[in-house]
Each structure stands twice: as C-alpha cells, then as structure tokens.
Amino acid sequence: MKTFEGQSLAHILPGQLFRIRQLANHPEVCTRLRELGFCENAVVRCITKGYGNIICEVFNTRFGIDSLTASSIGISNV
C-alpha cells in the first residue's frame, strides 16, 4: 500500500473539518472509499479518534476508518 506524504487523515483531531486532497492506496481501496463519499474535494468532519480507528462524517453519514487507511488519505484545511 502507498502512503500519503504530507498531512493525512491519521493526524486530524476530533471536531475538525478538512478537505480530502488525495487518496494514495490500492486502486480497489480508493474505489471503495470514493463510493462511500471519501472522494477528492469532499469536506469531512472527524467525530472521534481512538484505539487505532477514526470515525468521520461525510454527507451526513458516519464511517469508521482504521489508522493505516487514514494515513493514505491526504487532507487540507477547509
């Protein structure tokens, strides 16, 4: 798996809004993330973080992502 170099979802704090800039994972994983709404330029909010998982809200739906996958999602501030 590729990892994103720069600010990634794995380093976001709970309550923060961010914009997804790049997905750097296996093509199948990237396709699935895009199907769930984790696509480039989507605005996402971090709900909570802990035990190696991150719960995010995108388009009024909450999803849990493991920290390894989160480290492959490049983000920027909204």
PDB file of N, CA and C in Angstrom:
ATOM      1  N   MET A   1       0.836  -1.183   0.000  1.00  0.00           N
ATOM      2  CA  MET A   1       0.000   0.000   0.000  1.00  0.00           C
ATOM      3  C   MET A   1       0.877   1.240   0.000  1.00  0.00           C
ATOM      4  N   LYS A   2       0.479   2.227  -0.775  1.00  0.00           N
ATOM      5  CA  LYS A   2       1.168   3.506  -0.775  1.00  0.00           C
ATOM      6  C   LYS A   2       0.705   4.314   0.427  1.00  0.00           C
ATOM      7  N   THR A   3       1.538   5.222   0.867  1.00  0.00           N
ATOM      8  CA  THR A   3       1.118   6.137   1.919  1.00  0.00           C
ATOM      9  C   THR A   3       1.252   7.555   1.401  1.00  0.00           C
ATOM     10  N   PHE A   4       0.465   8.441   1.926  1.00  0.00           N
ATOM     11  CA  PHE A   4       0.482   9.835   1.523  1.00  0.00           C
ATOM     12  C   PHE A   4       1.529  10.570   2.335  1.00  0.00           C
ATOM     13  N   GLU A   5       2.371  11.321   1.669  1.00  0.00           N
ATOM     14  CA  GLU A   5       3.370  12.119   2.378  1.00  0.00           C
ATOM     15  C   GLU A   5       2.834  13.538   2.500  1.00  0.00           C
ATOM     16  N   GLY A   6       2.682  14.004   3.702  1.00  0.00           N
ATOM     17  CA  GLY A   6       2.077  15.300   3.979  1.00  0.00           C
ATOM     18  C   GLY A   6       1.055  15.113   5.086  1.00  0.00           C
ATOM     19  N   GLN A   7       0.167  16.074   5.232  1.00  0.00           N
ATOM     20  CA  GLN A   7      -0.861  15.972   6.261  1.00  0.00           C
ATOM     21  C   GLN A   7      -1.875  14.912   5.843  1.00  0.00           C
ATOM     22  N   SER A   8      -2.092  13.949   6.725  1.00  0.00           N
ATOM     23  CA  SER A   8      -3.028  12.868   6.403  1.00  0.00           C
ATOM     24  C   SER A   8      -4.162  12.826   7.420  1.00  0.00           C
ATOM     25  N   LEU A   9      -5.175  12.080   7.080  1.00  0.00           N
ATOM     26  CA  LEU A   9      -6.330  11.915   7.957  1.00  0.00           C
ATOM     27  C   LEU A   9      -5.940  11.313   9.307  1.00  0.00           C
ATOM     28  N   ALA A  10      -4.871  10.549   9.344  1.00  0.00           N
ATOM     29  CA  ALA A  10      -4.434   9.928  10.597  1.00  0.00           C
ATOM     30  C   ALA A  10      -4.010  10.962  11.638  1.00  0.00           C
ATOM     31  N   HIS A  11      -3.705  12.185  11.229  1.00  0.00           N
ATOM     32  CA  HIS A  11      -3.221  13.211  12.148  1.00  0.00           C
ATOM     33  C   HIS A  11      -4.258  14.270  12.502  1.00  0.00           C
ATOM     34  N   ILE A  12      -5.487  14.076  12.066  1.00  0.00           N
ATOM     35  CA  ILE A  12      -6.541  15.050  12.330  1.00  0.00           C
ATOM     36  C   ILE A  12      -7.039  14.918  13.772  1.00  0.00           C
ATOM     37  N   LEU A  13      -7.526  15.996  14.328  1.00  0.00           N
ATOM     38  CA  LEU A  13      -8.068  15.994  15.686  1.00  0.00           C
ATOM     39  C   LEU A  13      -9.592  15.935  15.644  1.00  0.00           C
ATOM     40  N   PRO A  14     -10.206  15.311  16.639  1.00  0.00           N
ATOM     41  CA  PRO A  14     -11.673  15.247  16.683  1.00  0.00           C
ATOM     42  C   PRO A  14     -12.297  16.638  16.644  1.00  0.00           C
ATOM     43  N   GLY A  15     -13.365  16.761  15.884  1.00  0.00           N
ATOM     44  CA  GLY A  15     -14.077  18.020  15.759  1.00  0.00           C
ATOM     45  C   GLY A  15     -13.636  18.873  14.586  1.00  0.00           C
ATOM     46  N   GLN A  16     -12.522  18.564  13.979  1.00  0.00           N
ATOM     47  CA  GLN A  16     -12.004  19.375  12.882  1.00  0.00           C
ATOM     48  C   GLN A  16     -12.648  19.021  11.547  1.00  0.00           C
ATOM     49  N   LEU A  17     -12.824  20.042  10.721  1.00  0.00           N
ATOM     50  CA  LEU A  17     -13.269  19.870   9.344  1.00  0.00           C
ATOM     51  C   LEU A  17     -12.042  19.881   8.449  1.00  0.00           C
ATOM     52  N   PHE A  18     -12.073  19.100   7.405  1.00  0.00           N
ATOM     53  CA  PHE A  18     -10.961  19.071   6.472  1.00  0.00           C
ATOM     54  C   PHE A  18     -11.485  18.699   5.096  1.00  0.00           C
ATOM     55  N   ARG A  19     -10.652  18.915   4.102  1.00  0.00           N
ATOM     56  CA  ARG A  19     -10.992  18.579   2.714  1.00  0.00           C
ATOM     57  C   ARG A  19     -10.041  17.489   2.244  1.00  0.00           C
ATOM     58  N   ILE A  20     -10.583  16.465   1.626  1.00  0.00           N
ATOM     59  CA  ILE A  20      -9.753  15.386   1.099  1.00  0.00           C
ATOM     60  C   ILE A  20      -9.074  15.871  -0.175  1.00  0.00           C
ATOM     61  N   ARG A  21      -7.768  15.707  -0.236  1.00  0.00           N
ATOM     62  CA  ARG A  21      -6.991  16.147  -1.389  1.00  0.00           C
ATOM     63  C   ARG A  21      -6.519  14.989  -2.264  1.00  0.00           C
ATOM     64  N   GLN A  22      -6.170  13.860  -1.641  1.00  0.00           N
ATOM     65  CA  GLN A  22      -5.613  12.762  -2.420  1.00  0.00           C
ATOM     66  C   GLN A  22      -5.836  11.443  -1.710  1.00  0.00           C
ATOM     67  N   LEU A  23      -6.132  10.410  -2.479  1.00  0.00           N
ATOM     68  CA  LEU A  23      -6.199   9.048  -1.973  1.00  0.00           C
ATOM     69  C   LEU A  23      -4.992   8.306  -2.528  1.00  0.00           C
ATOM     70  N   ALA A  24      -4.196   7.725  -1.649  1.00  0.00           N
ATOM     71  CA  ALA A  24      -2.965   7.039  -2.077  1.00  0.00           C
ATOM     72  C   ALA A  24      -2.959   5.635  -1.496  1.00  0.00           C
ATOM     73  N   ASN A  25      -3.804   4.781  -2.042  1.00  0.00           N
ATOM     74  CA  ASN A  25      -3.938   3.419  -1.557  1.00  0.00           C
ATOM     75  C   ASN A  25      -4.078   2.504  -2.774  1.00  0.00           C
ATOM     76  N   HIS A  26      -4.333   1.225  -2.545  1.00  0.00           N
ATOM     77  CA  HIS A  26      -4.585   0.310  -3.662  1.00  0.00           C
ATOM     78  C   HIS A  26      -5.789   0.812  -4.452  1.00  0.00           C
ATOM     79  N   PRO A  27      -5.819   0.620  -5.754  1.00  0.00           N
ATOM     80  CA  PRO A  27      -6.953   1.101  -6.562  1.00  0.00           C
ATOM     81  C   PRO A  27      -8.307   0.600  -6.069  1.00  0.00           C
ATOM     82  N   GLU A  28      -8.374  -0.647  -5.597  1.00  0.00           N
ATOM     83  CA  GLU A  28      -9.647  -1.178  -5.107  1.00  0.00           C
ATOM     84  C   GLU A  28     -10.109  -0.445  -3.855  1.00  0.00           C
ATOM     85  N   VAL A  29      -9.165  -0.128  -2.972  1.00  0.00           N
ATOM     86  CA  VAL A  29      -9.495   0.596  -1.738  1.00  0.00           C
ATOM     87  C   VAL A  29      -9.932   2.016  -2.079  1.00  0.00           C
ATOM     88  N   CYS A  30      -9.216   2.666  -2.987  1.00  0.00           N
ATOM     89  CA  CYS A  30      -9.586   4.026  -3.400  1.00  0.00           C
ATOM     90  C   CYS A  30     -10.974   4.056  -4.022  1.00  0.00           C
ATOM     91  N   THR A  31     -11.287   3.070  -4.837  1.00  0.00           N
ATOM     92  CA  THR A  31     -12.614   2.994  -5.445  1.00  0.00           C
ATOM     93  C   THR A  31     -13.685   2.860  -4.375  1.00  0.00           C
ATOM     94  N   ARG A  32     -13.452   2.009  -3.404  1.00  0.00           N
ATOM     95  CA  ARG A  32     -14.438   1.813  -2.325  1.00  0.00           C
ATOM     96  C   ARG A  32     -14.597   3.075  -1.484  1.00  0.00           C
ATOM     97  N   LEU A  33     -13.488   3.743  -1.167  1.00  0.00           N
ATOM     98  CA  LEU A  33     -13.565   4.993  -0.411  1.00  0.00           C
ATOM     99  C   LEU A  33     -14.364   6.039  -1.171  1.00  0.00           C
ATOM    100  N   ARG A  34     -14.150   6.132  -2.470  1.00  0.00           N
ATOM    101  CA  ARG A  34     -14.912   7.088  -3.288  1.00  0.00           C
ATOM    102  C   ARG A  34     -16.395   6.729  -3.301  1.00  0.00           C
ATOM    103  N   GLU A  35     -16.726   5.443  -3.350  1.00  0.00           N
ATOM    104  CA  GLU A  35     -18.128   5.021  -3.315  1.00  0.00           C
ATOM    105  C   GLU A  35     -18.792   5.431  -2.002  1.00  0.00           C
ATOM    106  N   LEU A  36     -18.023   5.451  -0.918  1.00  0.00           N
ATOM    107  CA  LEU A  36     -18.552   5.832   0.391  1.00  0.00           C
ATOM    108  C   LEU A  36     -18.631   7.351   0.575  1.00  0.00           C
ATOM    109  N   GLY A  37     -18.040   8.108  -0.359  1.00  0.00           N
ATOM    110  CA  GLY A  37     -18.062   9.565  -0.258  1.00  0.00           C
ATOM    111  C   GLY A  37     -16.723  10.174   0.096  1.00  0.00           C
ATOM    112  N   PHE A  38     -15.723   9.360   0.382  1.00  0.00           N
ATOM    113  CA  PHE A  38     -14.382   9.859   0.686  1.00  0.00           C
ATOM    114  C   PHE A  38     -13.657  10.107  -0.635  1.00  0.00           C
ATOM    115  N   CYS A  39     -14.125  11.119  -1.379  1.00  0.00           N
ATOM    116  CA  CYS A  39     -13.525  11.419  -2.673  1.00  0.00           C
ATOM    117  C   CYS A  39     -12.807  12.767  -2.601  1.00  0.00           C
ATOM    118  N   GLU A  40     -11.982  13.022  -3.587  1.00  0.00           N
ATOM    119  CA  GLU A  40     -11.234  14.259  -3.638  1.00  0.00           C
ATOM    120  C   GLU A  40     -12.186  15.453  -3.577  1.00  0.00           C
ATOM    121  N   ASN A  41     -11.804  16.452  -2.797  1.00  0.00           N
ATOM    122  CA  ASN A  41     -12.531  17.701  -2.566  1.00  0.00           C
ATOM    123  C   ASN A  41     -13.749  17.570  -1.658  1.00  0.00           C
ATOM    124  N   ALA A  42     -14.045  16.399  -1.141  1.00  0.00           N
ATOM    125  CA  ALA A  42     -15.147  16.245  -0.186  1.00  0.00           C
ATOM    126  C   ALA A  42     -14.746  16.857   1.154  1.00  0.00           C
ATOM    127  N   VAL A  43     -15.691  17.512   1.806  1.00  0.00           N
ATOM    128  CA  VAL A  43     -15.462  18.077   3.135  1.00  0.00           C
ATOM    129  C   VAL A  43     -15.934  17.048   4.154  1.00  0.00           C
ATOM    130  N   VAL A  44     -15.051  16.728   5.091  1.00  0.00           N
ATOM    131  CA  VAL A  44     -15.292  15.663   6.062  1.00  0.00           C
ATOM    132  C   VAL A  44     -15.022  16.210   7.457  1.00  0.00           C
ATOM    133  N   ARG A  45     -15.749  15.700   8.444  1.00  0.00           N
ATOM    134  CA  ARG A  45     -15.532  16.092   9.838  1.00  0.00           C
ATOM    135  C   ARG A  45     -15.101  14.867  10.626  1.00  0.00           C
ATOM    136  N   CYS A  46     -14.069  15.029  11.438  1.00  0.00           N
ATOM    137  CA  CYS A  46     -13.621  13.968  12.329  1.00  0.00           C
ATOM    138  C   CYS A  46     -14.499  13.989  13.569  1.00  0.00           C
ATOM    139  N   ILE A  47     -15.175  12.892  13.848  1.00  0.00           N
ATOM    140  CA  ILE A  47     -16.062  12.791  15.009  1.00  0.00           C
ATOM    141  C   ILE A  47     -15.269  12.375  16.239  1.00  0.00           C
ATOM    142  N   THR A  48     -14.575  11.282  16.150  1.00  0.00           N
ATOM    143  CA  THR A  48     -13.789  10.776  17.272  1.00  0.00           C
ATOM    144  C   THR A  48     -12.614   9.963  16.752  1.00  0.00           C
ATOM    145  N   LYS A  49     -11.665   9.752  17.628  1.00  0.00           N
ATOM    146  CA  LYS A  49     -10.440   9.061  17.260  1.00  0.00           C
ATOM    147  C   LYS A  49      -9.972   8.262  18.472  1.00  0.00           C
ATOM    148  N   GLY A  50      -9.628   7.010  18.252  1.00  0.00           N
ATOM    149  CA  GLY A  50      -9.129   6.204  19.352  1.00  0.00           C
ATOM    150  C   GLY A  50      -9.037   4.737  19.010  1.00  0.00           C
ATOM    151  N   TYR A  51      -8.175   4.037  19.719  1.00  0.00           N
ATOM    152  CA  TYR A  51      -7.981   2.594  19.538  1.00  0.00           C
ATOM    153  C   TYR A  51      -7.641   2.221  18.101  1.00  0.00           C
ATOM    154  N   GLY A  52      -6.900   3.082  17.414  1.00  0.00           N
ATOM    155  CA  GLY A  52      -6.476   2.797  16.058  1.00  0.00           C
ATOM    156  C   GLY A  52      -7.523   3.044  14.992  1.00  0.00           C
ATOM    157  N   ASN A  53      -8.658   3.628  15.375  1.00  0.00           N
ATOM    158  CA  ASN A  53      -9.725   3.910  14.422  1.00  0.00           C
ATOM    159  C   ASN A  53     -10.118   5.377  14.468  1.00  0.00           C
ATOM    160  N   ILE A  54     -10.646   5.857  13.362  1.00  0.00           N
ATOM    161  CA  ILE A  54     -11.130   7.228  13.266  1.00  0.00           C
ATOM    162  C   ILE A  54     -12.553   7.171  12.726  1.00  0.00           C
ATOM    163  N   ILE A  55     -13.462   7.859  13.389  1.00  0.00           N
ATOM    164  CA  ILE A  55     -14.839   7.937  12.906  1.00  0.00           C
ATOM    165  C   ILE A  55     -15.032   9.320  12.304  1.00  0.00           C
ATOM    166  N   CYS A  56     -15.423   9.337  11.035  1.00  0.00           N
ATOM    167  CA  CYS A  56     -15.601  10.578  10.289  1.00  0.00           C
ATOM    168  C   CYS A  56     -17.026  10.677   9.785  1.00  0.00           C
ATOM    169  N   GLU A  57     -17.438  11.910   9.530  1.00  0.00           N
ATOM    170  CA  GLU A  57     -18.758  12.153   8.960  1.00  0.00           C
ATOM    171  C   GLU A  57     -18.590  12.825   7.609  1.00  0.00           C
ATOM    172  N   VAL A  58     -19.180  12.222   6.593  1.00  0.00           N
ATOM    173  CA  VAL A  58     -19.179  12.778   5.244  1.00  0.00           C
ATOM    174  C   VAL A  58     -20.591  12.639   4.686  1.00  0.00           C
ATOM    175  N   PHE A  59     -21.142  13.731   4.177  1.00  0.00           N
ATOM    176  CA  PHE A  59     -22.507  13.735   3.637  1.00  0.00           C
ATOM    177  C   PHE A  59     -23.515  13.161   4.633  1.00  0.00           C
ATOM    178  N   ASN A  60     -23.422  13.591   5.902  1.00  0.00           N
ATOM    179  CA  ASN A  60     -24.331  13.190   6.979  1.00  0.00           C
ATOM    180  C   ASN A  60     -24.319  11.695   7.289  1.00  0.00           C
ATOM    181  N   THR A  61     -23.254  11.020   6.932  1.00  0.00           N
ATOM    182  CA  THR A  61     -23.094   9.602   7.230  1.00  0.00           C
ATOM    183  C   THR A  61     -21.772   9.400   7.938  1.00  0.00           C
ATOM    184  N   ARG A  62     -21.762   8.582   8.975  1.00  0.00           N
ATOM    185  CA  ARG A  62     -20.537   8.321   9.732  1.00  0.00           C
ATOM    186  C   ARG A  62     -19.897   7.010   9.308  1.00  0.00           C
ATOM    187  N   PHE A  63     -18.569   7.053   9.172  1.00  0.00           N
ATOM    188  CA  PHE A  63     -17.803   5.880   8.771  1.00  0.00           C
ATOM    189  C   PHE A  63     -16.606   5.732   9.693  1.00  0.00           C
ATOM    190  N   GLY A  64     -16.235   4.503   9.975  1.00  0.00           N
ATOM    191  CA  GLY A  64     -15.018   4.218  10.726  1.00  0.00           C
ATOM    192  C   GLY A  64     -13.918   3.781   9.776  1.00  0.00           C
ATOM    193  N   ILE A  65     -12.736   4.350   9.970  1.00  0.00           N
ATOM    194  CA  ILE A  65     -11.577   4.021   9.124  1.00  0.00           C
ATOM    195  C   ILE A  65     -10.426   3.668  10.051  1.00  0.00           C
ATOM    196  N   ASP A  66      -9.699   2.613   9.712  1.00  0.00           N
ATOM    197  CA  ASP A  66      -8.535   2.263  10.525  1.00  0.00           C
ATOM    198  C   ASP A  66      -7.397   3.245  10.249  1.00  0.00           C
ATOM    199  N   SER A  67      -6.465   3.341  11.191  1.00  0.00           N
ATOM    200  CA  SER A  67      -5.404   4.339  11.096  1.00  0.00           C
ATOM    201  C   SER A  67      -4.475   4.105   9.907  1.00  0.00           C
ATOM    202  N   LEU A  68      -4.286   2.870   9.481  1.00  0.00           N
ATOM    203  CA  LEU A  68      -3.436   2.601   8.326  1.00  0.00           C
ATOM    204  C   LEU A  68      -4.065   3.154   7.046  1.00  0.00           C
ATOM    205  N   THR A  69      -5.356   2.944   6.877  1.00  0.00           N
ATOM    206  CA  THR A  69      -6.054   3.515   5.731  1.00  0.00           C
ATOM    207  C   THR A  69      -6.085   5.034   5.827  1.00  0.00           C
ATOM    208  N   ALA A  70      -6.307   5.551   7.030  1.00  0.00           N
ATOM    209  CA  ALA A  70      -6.344   7.011   7.234  1.00  0.00           C
ATOM    210  C   ALA A  70      -5.025   7.672   6.855  1.00  0.00           C
ATOM    211  N   SER A  71      -3.916   6.957   7.060  1.00  0.00           N
ATOM    212  CA  SER A  71      -2.615   7.543   6.726  1.00  0.00           C
ATOM    213  C   SER A  71      -2.402   7.657   5.217  1.00  0.00           C
ATOM    214  N   SER A  72      -3.251   7.016   4.433  1.00  0.00           N
ATOM    215  CA  SER A  72      -3.136   7.087   2.969  1.00  0.00           C
ATOM    216  C   SER A  72      -4.096   8.101   2.362  1.00  0.00           C
ATOM    217  N   ILE A  73      -4.781   8.882   3.195  1.00  0.00           N
ATOM    218  CA  ILE A  73      -5.722   9.892   2.724  1.00  0.00           C
ATOM    219  C   ILE A  73      -5.141  11.273   3.019  1.00  0.00           C
ATOM    220  N   GLY A  74      -4.724  11.951   1.957  1.00  0.00           N
ATOM    221  CA  GLY A  74      -4.159  13.303   2.111  1.00  0.00           C
ATOM    222  C   GLY A  74      -5.254  14.334   2.278  1.00  0.00           C
ATOM    223  N   ILE A  75      -5.061  15.265   3.218  1.00  0.00           N
ATOM    224  CA  ILE A  75      -6.089  16.262   3.519  1.00  0.00           C
ATOM    225  C   ILE A  75      -5.497  17.658   3.543  1.00  0.00           C
ATOM    226  N   SER A  76      -6.385  18.637   3.554  1.00  0.00           N
ATOM    227  CA  SER A  76      -6.009  20.029   3.751  1.00  0.00           C
ATOM    228  C   SER A  76      -7.117  20.691   4.563  1.00  0.00           C
ATOM    229  N   ASN A  77      -6.831  21.875   5.080  1.00  0.00           N
ATOM    230  CA  ASN A  77      -7.842  22.614   5.836  1.00  0.00           C
ATOM    231  C   ASN A  77      -8.932  23.102   4.905  1.00  0.00           C
ATOM    232  N   VAL A  78     -10.115  23.262   5.456  1.00  0.00           N
ATOM    233  CA  VAL A  78     -11.268  23.746   4.677  1.00  0.00           C
ATOM    234  C   VAL A  78     -11.110  25.219   4.439  1.00  0.00           C
TER     235      VAL A  78
END
